Amino acid sequence: MGVKDYFTEHPSSVGESYGEHFRVASHFSKELLFAGMACAVHAILPKLFMTTGSSKVRQLHSEMTQGMRSQVEQDTEFEAAAEPQPAS
């Protein structure tokens, strides 16, 4: 396996260039980090971020499985996820 193949084999297997794959994977990483932080806060303060983690997982699953990887939006969801959730 050549050096170029090391960086391009997986991205091409999902129909992306290295740059596209880097952008999508970075988006998923950032979204998961923020969701993880919201879950950690929720563990301490249960009235905060009550649905943030599960909502983010559903959103990312949808993006990945419905062919929306190339349409990853710029990060506007974080602002909404950072808002305290009302109690049900």
N, C-alpha and C. Protein backbone atom coordinates (compact mmCIF):
# COMPACT_ATOMS: atom_id res chain seq x y z
N MET A 1 0.85 -1.18 0.00
CA MET A 1 0.00 0.00 0.00
C MET A 1 0.89 1.23 0.00
N GLY A 2 0.69 2.07 -0.98
CA GLY A 2 1.46 3.30 -1.08
C GLY A 2 0.93 4.37 -0.13
N VAL A 3 1.73 5.40 0.03
CA VAL A 3 1.35 6.50 0.91
C VAL A 3 0.06 7.15 0.44
N LYS A 4 -0.06 7.37 -0.86
CA LYS A 4 -1.27 8.00 -1.39
C LYS A 4 -2.49 7.14 -1.10
N ASP A 5 -2.37 5.82 -1.29
CA ASP A 5 -3.48 4.91 -1.02
C ASP A 5 -3.90 4.96 0.45
N TYR A 6 -2.94 5.13 1.34
CA TYR A 6 -3.23 5.19 2.77
C TYR A 6 -4.23 6.31 3.06
N PHE A 7 -4.12 7.42 2.37
CA PHE A 7 -4.98 8.57 2.61
C PHE A 7 -6.24 8.60 1.73
N THR A 8 -6.27 7.83 0.66
CA THR A 8 -7.39 7.93 -0.28
C THR A 8 -8.25 6.68 -0.40
N GLU A 9 -7.79 5.54 0.07
CA GLU A 9 -8.54 4.29 -0.11
C GLU A 9 -9.91 4.35 0.58
N HIS A 10 -9.94 4.67 1.86
CA HIS A 10 -11.23 4.72 2.56
C HIS A 10 -12.12 5.85 2.04
N PRO A 11 -11.62 7.08 1.91
CA PRO A 11 -12.51 8.13 1.37
C PRO A 11 -13.14 7.75 0.03
N SER A 12 -12.35 7.15 -0.86
CA SER A 12 -12.92 6.78 -2.16
C SER A 12 -13.94 5.66 -2.02
N SER A 13 -13.82 4.82 -0.99
CA SER A 13 -14.79 3.74 -0.79
C SER A 13 -16.16 4.27 -0.38
N VAL A 14 -16.21 5.51 0.12
CA VAL A 14 -17.50 6.13 0.48
C VAL A 14 -17.84 7.25 -0.49
N GLY A 15 -17.14 7.29 -1.63
CA GLY A 15 -17.46 8.24 -2.69
C GLY A 15 -17.01 9.66 -2.43
N GLU A 16 -15.92 9.83 -1.69
CA GLU A 16 -15.43 11.17 -1.36
C GLU A 16 -13.95 11.30 -1.68
N SER A 17 -13.53 12.54 -1.91
CA SER A 17 -12.10 12.82 -2.01
C SER A 17 -11.56 12.90 -0.58
N TYR A 18 -10.25 12.98 -0.45
CA TYR A 18 -9.66 13.12 0.88
C TYR A 18 -10.18 14.38 1.57
N GLY A 19 -10.22 15.49 0.84
CA GLY A 19 -10.69 16.75 1.42
C GLY A 19 -12.15 16.69 1.85
N GLU A 20 -13.00 16.10 1.01
CA GLU A 20 -14.41 15.95 1.38
C GLU A 20 -14.56 15.09 2.62
N HIS A 21 -13.83 13.98 2.65
CA HIS A 21 -13.89 13.08 3.79
C HIS A 21 -13.39 13.77 5.06
N PHE A 22 -12.34 14.54 4.94
CA PHE A 22 -11.81 15.28 6.08
C PHE A 22 -12.87 16.23 6.63
N ARG A 23 -13.55 16.95 5.74
CA ARG A 23 -14.58 17.89 6.17
C ARG A 23 -15.74 17.18 6.86
N VAL A 24 -16.22 16.08 6.27
CA VAL A 24 -17.34 15.35 6.85
C VAL A 24 -16.94 14.72 8.18
N ALA A 25 -15.79 14.07 8.23
CA ALA A 25 -15.35 13.43 9.47
C ALA A 25 -15.10 14.46 10.57
N SER A 26 -14.59 15.61 10.21
CA SER A 26 -14.39 16.68 11.19
C SER A 26 -15.72 17.18 11.73
N HIS A 27 -16.70 17.32 10.84
CA HIS A 27 -18.05 17.72 11.26
C HIS A 27 -18.61 16.72 12.28
N PHE A 28 -18.54 15.43 11.95
CA PHE A 28 -19.06 14.40 12.85
C PHE A 28 -18.31 14.43 14.18
N SER A 29 -17.02 14.59 14.14
CA SER A 29 -16.22 14.65 15.36
C SER A 29 -16.64 15.80 16.25
N LYS A 30 -16.78 16.98 15.67
CA LYS A 30 -17.17 18.16 16.44
C LYS A 30 -18.56 17.99 17.03
N GLU A 31 -19.49 17.51 16.21
CA GLU A 31 -20.86 17.31 16.69
C GLU A 31 -20.90 16.31 17.85
N LEU A 32 -20.15 15.23 17.73
CA LEU A 32 -20.12 14.22 18.80
C LEU A 32 -19.46 14.75 20.06
N LEU A 33 -18.42 15.56 19.91
CA LEU A 33 -17.78 16.16 21.09
C LEU A 33 -18.74 17.07 21.84
N PHE A 34 -19.45 17.93 21.11
CA PHE A 34 -20.41 18.83 21.75
C PHE A 34 -21.56 18.04 22.38
N ALA A 35 -22.05 17.01 21.71
CA ALA A 35 -23.11 16.19 22.28
C ALA A 35 -22.62 15.48 23.54
N GLY A 36 -21.37 15.01 23.51
CA GLY A 36 -20.80 14.36 24.68
C GLY A 36 -20.69 15.32 25.86
N MET A 37 -20.30 16.56 25.58
CA MET A 37 -20.23 17.55 26.66
C MET A 37 -21.62 17.83 27.22
N ALA A 38 -22.61 17.93 26.34
CA ALA A 38 -23.99 18.15 26.81
C ALA A 38 -24.45 16.99 27.67
N CYS A 39 -24.10 15.77 27.28
CA CYS A 39 -24.47 14.59 28.08
C CYS A 39 -23.78 14.60 29.44
N ALA A 40 -22.53 15.04 29.48
CA ALA A 40 -21.81 15.11 30.75
C ALA A 40 -22.47 16.14 31.68
N VAL A 41 -22.86 17.28 31.12
CA VAL A 41 -23.57 18.29 31.92
C VAL A 41 -24.90 17.72 32.39
N HIS A 42 -25.60 17.03 31.51
CA HIS A 42 -26.89 16.42 31.86
C HIS A 42 -26.73 15.41 32.99
N ALA A 43 -25.63 14.67 33.01
CA ALA A 43 -25.41 13.69 34.07
C ALA A 43 -25.35 14.37 35.44
N ILE A 44 -24.80 15.58 35.47
CA ILE A 44 -24.66 16.32 36.73
C ILE A 44 -25.94 17.11 37.03
N LEU A 45 -26.49 17.75 36.01
CA LEU A 45 -27.67 18.61 36.14
C LEU A 45 -28.77 18.07 35.22
N PRO A 46 -29.55 17.09 35.69
CA PRO A 46 -30.49 16.38 34.83
C PRO A 46 -31.54 17.24 34.12
N LYS A 47 -31.82 18.42 34.60
CA LYS A 47 -32.82 19.26 33.92
C LYS A 47 -32.25 19.95 32.68
N LEU A 48 -30.95 19.92 32.49
CA LEU A 48 -30.32 20.54 31.33
C LEU A 48 -30.03 19.48 30.26
N PHE A 49 -30.19 19.88 29.00
CA PHE A 49 -29.82 19.04 27.85
C PHE A 49 -30.49 17.66 27.89
N MET A 50 -31.77 17.63 28.22
CA MET A 50 -32.47 16.35 28.39
C MET A 50 -32.60 15.55 27.09
N THR A 51 -32.61 16.20 25.96
CA THR A 51 -32.77 15.46 24.69
C THR A 51 -31.63 15.71 23.72
N THR A 52 -30.64 16.48 24.12
CA THR A 52 -29.57 16.86 23.20
C THR A 52 -28.81 15.66 22.65
N GLY A 53 -28.38 14.75 23.52
CA GLY A 53 -27.60 13.60 23.07
C GLY A 53 -28.35 12.72 22.09
N SER A 54 -29.58 12.34 22.45
CA SER A 54 -30.36 11.46 21.58
C SER A 54 -30.73 12.16 20.27
N SER A 55 -31.04 13.45 20.35
CA SER A 55 -31.36 14.20 19.12
C SER A 55 -30.16 14.25 18.18
N LYS A 56 -28.99 14.49 18.74
CA LYS A 56 -27.77 14.58 17.91
C LYS A 56 -27.44 13.22 17.28
N VAL A 57 -27.59 12.15 18.04
CA VAL A 57 -27.33 10.81 17.49
C VAL A 57 -28.28 10.52 16.34
N ARG A 58 -29.57 10.84 16.50
CA ARG A 58 -30.52 10.63 15.41
C ARG A 58 -30.16 11.46 14.19
N GLN A 59 -29.78 12.73 14.42
CA GLN A 59 -29.42 13.61 13.30
C GLN A 59 -28.20 13.06 12.55
N LEU A 60 -27.16 12.68 13.27
CA LEU A 60 -25.95 12.19 12.62
C LEU A 60 -26.19 10.86 11.92
N HIS A 61 -27.00 10.00 12.52
CA HIS A 61 -27.34 8.73 11.87
C HIS A 61 -28.05 8.99 10.55
N SER A 62 -28.98 9.94 10.56
CA SER A 62 -29.69 10.30 9.34
C SER A 62 -28.73 10.84 8.28
N GLU A 63 -27.84 11.73 8.67
CA GLU A 63 -26.87 12.28 7.73
C GLU A 63 -26.02 11.18 7.11
N MET A 64 -25.61 10.22 7.92
CA MET A 64 -24.70 9.19 7.43
C MET A 64 -25.41 8.15 6.57
N THR A 65 -26.63 7.78 6.94
CA THR A 65 -27.28 6.67 6.24
C THR A 65 -28.15 7.11 5.07
N GLN A 66 -28.56 8.35 5.01
CA GLN A 66 -29.43 8.79 3.93
C GLN A 66 -28.67 9.53 2.84
N GLY A 67 -27.38 9.31 2.76
CA GLY A 67 -26.60 9.91 1.69
C GLY A 67 -26.46 11.41 1.81
N MET A 68 -26.54 11.92 3.02
CA MET A 68 -26.46 13.36 3.23
C MET A 68 -25.04 13.80 3.61
N ARG A 69 -24.09 12.88 3.55
CA ARG A 69 -22.73 13.21 3.96
C ARG A 69 -22.19 14.41 3.20
N SER A 70 -22.49 14.48 1.92
CA SER A 70 -21.95 15.58 1.12
C SER A 70 -22.71 16.88 1.35
N GLN A 71 -23.82 16.80 2.07
CA GLN A 71 -24.63 17.98 2.32
C GLN A 71 -24.52 18.45 3.76
N VAL A 72 -23.46 18.05 4.45
CA VAL A 72 -23.30 18.44 5.85
C VAL A 72 -23.36 19.95 5.96
N GLU A 73 -24.28 20.41 6.78
CA GLU A 73 -24.50 21.85 6.97
C GLU A 73 -23.38 22.45 7.80
N GLN A 74 -23.21 23.75 7.69
CA GLN A 74 -22.33 24.44 8.62
C GLN A 74 -23.02 24.37 9.97
N ASP A 75 -22.27 24.53 11.01
CA ASP A 75 -22.70 24.16 12.35
C ASP A 75 -23.65 25.15 13.01
N THR A 76 -24.90 25.08 12.64
CA THR A 76 -25.91 25.92 13.28
C THR A 76 -26.64 25.17 14.37
N GLU A 77 -26.51 23.84 14.40
CA GLU A 77 -27.22 23.04 15.39
C GLU A 77 -26.65 23.24 16.79
N PHE A 78 -25.36 23.59 16.89
CA PHE A 78 -24.75 23.71 18.21
C PHE A 78 -25.44 24.77 19.04
N GLU A 79 -25.78 25.90 18.43
CA GLU A 79 -26.42 26.97 19.16
C GLU A 79 -27.75 26.48 19.74
N ALA A 80 -28.52 25.75 18.96
CA ALA A 80 -29.80 25.22 19.43
C ALA A 80 -29.59 24.16 20.50
N ALA A 81 -28.59 23.29 20.33
CA ALA A 81 -28.33 22.24 21.31
C ALA A 81 -27.83 22.80 22.63
N ALA A 82 -27.20 23.97 22.60
CA ALA A 82 -26.65 24.54 23.82
C ALA A 82 -27.71 25.18 24.71
N GLU A 83 -28.91 25.37 24.16
CA GLU A 83 -29.99 25.96 24.94
C GLU A 83 -30.52 24.94 25.92
N PRO A 84 -30.81 25.34 27.17
CA PRO A 84 -31.43 24.41 28.13
C PRO A 84 -32.77 23.92 27.58
N GLN A 85 -33.06 22.65 27.78
CA GLN A 85 -34.28 22.04 27.29
C GLN A 85 -35.37 22.19 28.36
N PRO A 86 -36.61 22.53 27.98
CA PRO A 86 -37.68 22.62 28.96
C PRO A 86 -38.03 21.24 29.50
N ALA A 87 -38.43 21.18 30.75
CA ALA A 87 -38.83 19.90 31.36
C ALA A 87 -40.14 19.44 30.73
N SER A 88 -40.27 18.14 30.52
CA SER A 88 -41.51 17.60 29.93
C SER A 88 -42.54 17.40 31.00
